[in-house]
Amino acid sequence: MRWRGQRKSSNVEDRRGMRSPSPLGLGGGGGGLLNLLPMVFKLFGVKGGIVAVLAIGAYGLLSGNLGSMLGGGSGGENLSTGGGQPVKQSAQEQELVKFVSVVLADTEDTWHQLFRKMGSEYKEPNLVLFRGATKTACGFGQAAMGPFYCPGDHKVYIDLSFFDDLKKRFKAPGDFAQAYVIAHEVGHHVQTLLGISKEVHKAKASLSEVEGNKLSVRQELQADCFAGIWAFNADRSRQLLESGDIEEGLTAASAIGDDRLQKQSKGYVSPDSFTHGSSAQRVKWFQVGFQNGDLKKCDTFAVSRL
């Protein structure tokens, strides 16, 4: 990606220098015993990116989701440190912080433009950098969950160590693979602003677990499609993409499909437990967004076959 020299977002909150809270509410403070349960995130609609995109199950806790940085020292021009100790970071991490801030800024440019076309106003999310664990409006967030979005506070949460796993564990290297993760989580923010997440949450309350999972899959695939829309605009409007970038994104989307993650972790696949979609479905819907750049094409809730 041609990201160097581009605008950086001011909506990055750095908690990497803060002590990780205790999930039991001891010491650093937490949210009680319920915060130990990943299901709390599911109940509140937390998505973890891709990778998200990755969300809660993709990174290992629920065996099927991927879900989503700025130093307190040099290179932290756009950060809000949120208190805590000065951040110790390597040169590589410092560079990654800049990259994440640029990608977030570019998603802002894309969605501001698209919301204006709809006669509405885009409200930018914050992106929180943390290490290990952090408190959110949706409960207790941990790095093991992967990147995720919390609709309760309109924030995307990312422990940067995830990107090492994306490269090594999921075999999805490259800066665009990382950008796809961020764009997927921002896609969940867009769903929240449009009222989609609220409707999904309401509908799931009256559904069985299996049927609720199917609805979650449609929501996740739409977030993948929204990530593709961002890529469409980043390429057409600002020429940020380079040769091979889309292939990196497709590799990441495929790597975090529920079927592949379940096969790797359990040795078998259970479609009824899918919450994010298969590898093929995630790739397909990212491509739909990238090829069309049209929100109407991303209505995963209206199609009979995903």
Protein backbone atom coordinates (compact mmCIF):
# COMPACT_ATOMS: atom_id res chain seq x y z
CA MET A 1 0.00 0.00 0.00
CA ARG A 2 1.10 3.55 -0.72
CA TRP A 3 0.32 4.76 2.79
CA ARG A 4 3.42 6.69 3.81
CA GLY A 5 2.97 10.44 3.81
CA GLN A 6 -0.82 10.17 4.00
CA ARG A 7 -3.06 11.79 6.59
CA LYS A 8 -3.19 10.17 10.03
CA SER A 9 -6.36 9.97 12.09
CA SER A 10 -6.73 11.89 15.33
CA ASN A 11 -9.15 9.27 16.63
CA VAL A 12 -6.59 6.88 18.07
CA GLU A 13 -6.56 6.23 21.81
CA ASP A 14 -3.41 4.61 23.15
CA ARG A 15 -3.83 2.43 26.23
CA ARG A 16 -0.68 0.38 25.72
CA GLY A 17 0.99 2.04 28.70
CA MET A 18 -1.87 1.27 31.06
CA ARG A 19 -1.91 -1.68 33.44
CA SER A 20 -4.21 -4.44 32.22
CA PRO A 21 -7.40 -4.66 34.31
CA SER A 22 -8.26 -7.82 36.17
CA PRO A 23 -11.22 -9.78 34.80
CA LEU A 24 -12.26 -10.51 38.38
CA GLY A 25 -12.41 -6.86 39.28
CA LEU A 26 -9.29 -7.10 41.49
CA GLY A 27 -6.28 -4.85 41.39
CA GLY A 28 -6.53 -3.01 38.08
CA GLY A 29 -10.30 -3.20 38.16
CA GLY A 30 -12.61 -5.15 35.93
CA GLY A 31 -16.23 -5.84 35.32
CA GLY A 32 -16.94 -8.84 37.50
CA LEU A 33 -17.14 -12.54 36.77
CA LEU A 34 -19.30 -12.09 33.70
CA ASN A 35 -16.37 -10.44 32.00
CA LEU A 36 -14.71 -13.81 31.88
CA LEU A 37 -17.31 -15.01 29.43
CA PRO A 38 -16.68 -14.37 25.73
CA MET A 39 -20.44 -14.72 25.32
CA VAL A 40 -20.81 -11.28 26.88
CA PHE A 41 -19.30 -9.88 23.70
CA LYS A 42 -21.65 -11.89 21.56
CA LEU A 43 -24.65 -10.68 23.48
CA PHE A 44 -23.61 -7.09 23.02
CA GLY A 45 -22.84 -7.56 19.37
CA VAL A 46 -19.09 -7.24 19.66
CA LYS A 47 -17.36 -8.18 16.45
CA GLY A 48 -13.96 -9.06 16.14
CA GLY A 49 -12.76 -8.30 12.98
CA ILE A 50 -11.27 -10.31 10.29
CA VAL A 51 -10.34 -10.71 11.52
CA ALA A 52 -12.73 -8.94 12.59
CA VAL A 53 -12.64 -9.88 10.13
CA LEU A 54 -12.14 -11.01 12.81
CA ALA A 55 -14.03 -11.22 15.96
CA ILE A 56 -14.42 -13.15 19.07
CA GLY A 57 -14.37 -16.78 18.02
CA ALA A 58 -12.05 -16.35 15.10
CA TYR A 59 -8.98 -15.93 17.15
CA GLY A 60 -9.30 -19.03 19.17
CA LEU A 61 -11.63 -18.60 22.12
CA LEU A 62 -14.70 -19.64 20.18
CA SER A 63 -12.75 -21.31 17.36
CA GLY A 64 -14.04 -19.31 14.51
CA ASN A 65 -13.60 -15.56 14.27
CA LEU A 66 -11.11 -12.88 13.66
CA GLY A 67 -12.61 -10.42 14.69
CA SER A 68 -8.74 -4.92 15.38
CA MET A 69 -1.48 2.17 18.43
CA LEU A 70 0.31 4.83 18.92
CA GLY A 71 3.47 5.31 20.95
CA GLY A 72 3.73 7.73 23.79
CA GLY A 73 7.18 8.68 22.57
CA SER A 74 8.34 9.67 19.10
CA GLY A 75 5.94 9.20 16.23
CA GLY A 76 2.84 9.71 18.38
CA GLU A 77 1.67 13.02 16.96
CA ASN A 78 -1.99 12.05 16.70
CA LEU A 79 -2.41 10.03 19.86
CA SER A 80 -4.51 10.34 22.91
CA THR A 81 -2.59 8.41 25.56
CA GLY A 82 -5.49 8.07 27.98
CA GLY A 83 -3.11 8.17 30.93
CA GLY A 84 -0.81 5.36 32.02
CA GLN A 85 2.95 4.98 31.69
CA PRO A 86 5.09 6.02 28.71
CA VAL A 87 4.87 3.39 25.98
CA LYS A 88 7.95 1.33 25.19
CA GLN A 89 7.87 0.22 21.58
CA SER A 90 10.18 -1.11 18.92
CA ALA A 91 10.82 0.74 15.67
CA GLN A 92 8.67 -1.88 13.95
CA GLU A 93 5.75 -1.27 16.30
CA GLN A 94 6.13 2.48 15.93
CA GLU A 95 5.85 2.07 12.16
CA LEU A 96 2.78 -0.13 12.58
CA VAL A 97 1.15 2.53 14.74
CA LYS A 98 1.56 5.06 11.96
CA PHE A 99 0.18 2.61 9.43
CA VAL A 100 -2.93 1.88 11.50
CA SER A 101 -3.57 5.58 11.97
CA VAL A 102 -3.33 6.19 8.22
CA VAL A 103 -5.69 3.32 7.39
CA LEU A 104 -8.21 4.57 9.95
CA ALA A 105 -7.99 8.06 8.43
CA ASP A 106 -8.61 6.66 4.97
CA THR A 107 -11.71 4.79 6.14
CA GLU A 108 -12.92 8.11 7.54
CA ASP A 109 -12.50 9.75 4.13
CA THR A 110 -14.40 6.93 2.42
CA TRP A 111 -17.35 6.81 4.79
CA HIS A 112 -17.70 10.57 5.10
CA GLN A 113 -18.09 10.69 1.33
CA LEU A 114 -20.58 7.83 1.18
CA PHE A 115 -22.70 9.10 4.07
CA ARG A 116 -22.89 12.56 2.46
CA LYS A 117 -24.22 10.92 -0.68
CA MET A 118 -26.94 9.35 1.46
CA GLY A 119 -27.77 12.74 2.95
CA SER A 120 -26.38 11.80 6.34
CA GLU A 121 -23.36 12.49 8.54
CA TYR A 122 -20.68 9.95 9.34
CA LYS A 123 -19.58 9.85 12.96
CA GLU A 124 -16.01 8.65 13.21
CA PRO A 125 -15.16 5.79 15.58
CA ASN A 126 -12.19 5.76 17.91
CA LEU A 127 -9.54 3.07 17.60
CA VAL A 128 -8.10 1.89 20.91
CA LEU A 129 -4.62 0.37 21.11
CA PHE A 130 -4.07 -1.88 24.10
CA ARG A 131 -1.84 -4.68 25.33
CA GLY A 132 -3.19 -7.80 26.94
CA ALA A 133 -6.59 -6.63 28.16
CA THR A 134 -8.73 -3.56 28.53
CA LYS A 135 -12.16 -2.47 29.72
CA THR A 136 -14.84 -1.61 27.15
CA ALA A 137 -18.49 -0.63 27.21
CA CYS A 138 -19.20 -4.18 26.04
CA GLY A 139 -17.28 -5.92 28.81
CA PHE A 140 -13.74 -7.11 29.36
CA GLY A 141 -11.67 -7.19 26.17
CA GLN A 142 -8.66 -9.47 25.79
CA ALA A 143 -5.99 -9.76 23.12
CA ALA A 144 -6.88 -13.44 22.62
CA MET A 145 -10.21 -12.34 21.16
CA GLY A 146 -8.52 -10.60 18.25
CA PRO A 147 -9.57 -7.16 17.02
CA PHE A 148 -13.19 -6.28 17.78
CA TYR A 149 -15.71 -3.48 17.66
CA CYS A 150 -17.90 -2.42 20.57
CA PRO A 151 -21.15 -0.69 19.57
CA GLY A 152 -21.63 0.45 23.17
CA ASP A 153 -18.82 3.00 22.91
CA HIS A 154 -18.30 3.15 19.12
CA LYS A 155 -14.70 1.99 19.42
CA VAL A 156 -12.51 -0.50 17.58
CA TYR A 157 -10.07 -2.36 19.86
CA ILE A 158 -6.74 -3.76 18.68
CA ASP A 159 -3.75 -5.37 20.36
CA LEU A 160 -1.00 -4.95 17.76
CA SER A 161 0.42 -8.37 18.55
CA PHE A 162 -2.50 -9.76 16.56
CA PHE A 163 -0.83 -8.74 13.33
CA ASP A 164 2.08 -11.06 14.09
CA ASP A 165 -0.40 -13.91 14.43
CA LEU A 166 -2.11 -12.86 11.23
CA LYS A 167 1.19 -13.30 9.45
CA LYS A 168 2.58 -16.35 11.22
CA ARG A 169 -0.41 -18.32 12.51
CA PHE A 170 -2.92 -17.52 9.79
CA LYS A 171 -0.37 -17.26 6.96
CA ALA A 172 -1.80 -13.94 5.80
CA PRO A 173 1.12 -11.48 5.60
CA GLY A 174 1.16 -8.01 4.11
CA ASP A 175 0.08 -4.50 4.99
CA PHE A 176 -3.17 -4.76 3.07
CA ALA A 177 -4.14 -7.88 5.03
CA GLN A 178 -3.75 -5.74 8.16
CA ALA A 179 -5.73 -2.91 6.58
CA TYR A 180 -8.54 -5.31 5.73
CA VAL A 181 -8.85 -6.24 9.40
CA ILE A 182 -9.26 -2.60 10.38
CA ALA A 183 -11.70 -1.90 7.55
CA HIS A 184 -13.82 -4.90 8.58
CA GLU A 185 -14.15 -3.64 12.14
CA VAL A 186 -14.97 -0.15 10.88
CA GLY A 187 -17.61 -1.90 8.78
CA HIS A 188 -19.30 -2.94 12.02
CA HIS A 189 -19.28 0.70 13.09
CA VAL A 190 -21.03 1.61 9.84
CA GLN A 191 -23.63 -1.07 10.59
CA THR A 192 -24.19 0.48 14.00
CA LEU A 193 -24.67 3.97 12.54
CA LEU A 194 -27.11 2.65 9.94
CA GLY A 195 -29.14 0.82 12.59
CA ILE A 196 -28.34 -2.61 11.15
CA SER A 197 -26.60 -3.94 14.26
CA LYS A 198 -29.54 -2.93 16.46
CA GLU A 199 -32.00 -4.75 14.21
CA VAL A 200 -29.83 -7.87 14.14
CA HIS A 201 -29.51 -7.87 17.91
CA LYS A 202 -33.27 -7.47 18.30
CA ALA A 203 -34.02 -10.26 15.83
CA LYS A 204 -31.60 -12.70 17.46
CA ALA A 205 -33.43 -12.39 20.77
CA SER A 206 -36.29 -14.47 19.39
CA LEU A 207 -34.22 -16.97 17.41
CA SER A 208 -32.64 -20.29 18.28
CA GLU A 209 -28.87 -20.42 18.60
CA VAL A 210 -28.49 -21.98 15.15
CA GLU A 211 -30.74 -19.40 13.49
CA GLY A 212 -29.05 -16.62 15.43
CA ASN A 213 -25.69 -17.81 14.17
CA LYS A 214 -26.98 -17.62 10.60
CA LEU A 215 -27.96 -14.01 11.15
CA SER A 216 -24.52 -13.28 12.63
CA VAL A 217 -22.92 -14.73 9.50
CA ARG A 218 -24.90 -12.32 7.32
CA GLN A 219 -23.84 -9.42 9.52
CA GLU A 220 -20.17 -10.42 9.37
CA LEU A 221 -20.22 -10.92 5.62
CA GLN A 222 -21.74 -7.49 5.19
CA ALA A 223 -18.84 -6.05 7.22
CA ASP A 224 -16.50 -7.85 4.79
CA CYS A 225 -18.38 -6.27 1.90
CA PHE A 226 -18.07 -2.84 3.55
CA ALA A 227 -14.31 -3.45 3.86
CA GLY A 228 -14.31 -4.08 0.12
CA ILE A 229 -16.12 -0.79 -0.45
CA TRP A 230 -13.37 0.98 1.46
CA ALA A 231 -10.74 -0.75 -0.71
CA PHE A 232 -12.66 0.31 -3.84
CA ASN A 233 -12.49 3.96 -2.76
CA ALA A 234 -8.90 3.79 -1.52
CA ASP A 235 -7.91 2.50 -4.95
CA ARG A 236 -10.09 4.64 -7.22
CA SER A 237 -10.07 7.91 -5.30
CA ARG A 238 -6.66 7.95 -3.67
CA GLN A 239 -4.62 5.28 -5.49
CA LEU A 240 -3.37 3.74 -2.24
CA LEU A 241 -3.37 0.17 -3.50
CA GLU A 242 -0.41 -1.52 -5.15
CA SER A 243 -0.07 -4.71 -7.14
CA GLY A 244 -0.75 -7.70 -4.91
CA ASP A 245 -2.69 -5.81 -2.24
CA ILE A 246 -6.09 -7.25 -3.07
CA GLU A 247 -4.59 -10.73 -3.12
CA GLU A 248 -3.31 -10.11 0.42
CA GLY A 249 -6.78 -9.09 1.51
CA LEU A 250 -8.37 -12.15 -0.07
CA THR A 251 -5.79 -14.39 1.60
CA ALA A 252 -6.66 -12.88 4.97
CA ALA A 253 -10.40 -13.25 4.35
CA SER A 254 -9.92 -16.89 3.41
CA ALA A 255 -7.61 -17.60 6.34
CA ILE A 256 -10.20 -16.58 8.90
CA GLY A 257 -13.22 -18.35 7.50
CA ASP A 258 -15.12 -20.38 10.10
CA ASP A 259 -14.63 -23.62 8.19
CA ARG A 260 -10.87 -23.25 8.00
CA LEU A 261 -10.50 -22.15 11.61
CA GLN A 262 -12.67 -24.99 12.88
CA LYS A 263 -10.79 -27.52 10.78
CA GLN A 264 -7.50 -26.29 12.21
CA SER A 265 -8.65 -26.20 15.83
CA LYS A 266 -11.06 -29.16 16.02
CA GLY A 267 -10.25 -31.28 12.99
CA TYR A 268 -13.81 -31.06 11.71
CA VAL A 269 -16.30 -28.44 10.49
CA SER A 270 -19.67 -27.61 12.09
CA PRO A 271 -21.61 -25.24 9.78
CA ASP A 272 -24.42 -24.67 12.32
CA SER A 273 -21.90 -23.04 14.64
CA PHE A 274 -20.54 -20.63 12.00
CA THR A 275 -20.75 -17.00 13.11
CA HIS A 276 -18.62 -15.29 10.46
CA GLY A 277 -18.99 -17.33 7.30
CA SER A 278 -16.86 -19.77 5.37
CA SER A 279 -13.60 -18.82 3.69
CA ALA A 280 -15.30 -18.80 0.29
CA GLN A 281 -18.12 -16.59 1.55
CA ARG A 282 -15.77 -14.08 3.14
CA VAL A 283 -13.72 -13.83 -0.02
CA LYS A 284 -16.86 -13.48 -2.16
CA TRP A 285 -18.36 -10.63 -0.18
CA PHE A 286 -15.12 -8.69 0.09
CA GLN A 287 -14.90 -8.96 -3.69
CA VAL A 288 -18.50 -7.78 -4.10
CA GLY A 289 -17.68 -4.60 -2.20
CA PHE A 290 -14.40 -4.05 -4.00
CA GLN A 291 -15.80 -4.62 -7.48
CA ASN A 292 -18.85 -2.39 -7.05
CA GLY A 293 -18.18 0.14 -4.31
CA ASP A 294 -21.95 0.24 -3.82
CA LEU A 295 -23.65 -0.11 -0.43
CA LYS A 296 -26.76 -1.57 -2.04
CA LYS A 297 -24.73 -4.51 -3.35
CA CYS A 298 -23.76 -5.38 0.23
CA ASP A 299 -27.26 -6.33 1.40
CA THR A 300 -26.35 -9.79 2.65
CA PHE A 301 -29.68 -9.98 4.47
CA ALA A 302 -31.67 -9.89 1.22
CA VAL A 303 -29.99 -12.70 -0.70
CA SER A 304 -31.06 -16.33 -0.47
CA ARG A 305 -27.57 -17.72 -1.04
CA LEU A 306 -24.47 -16.31 0.57
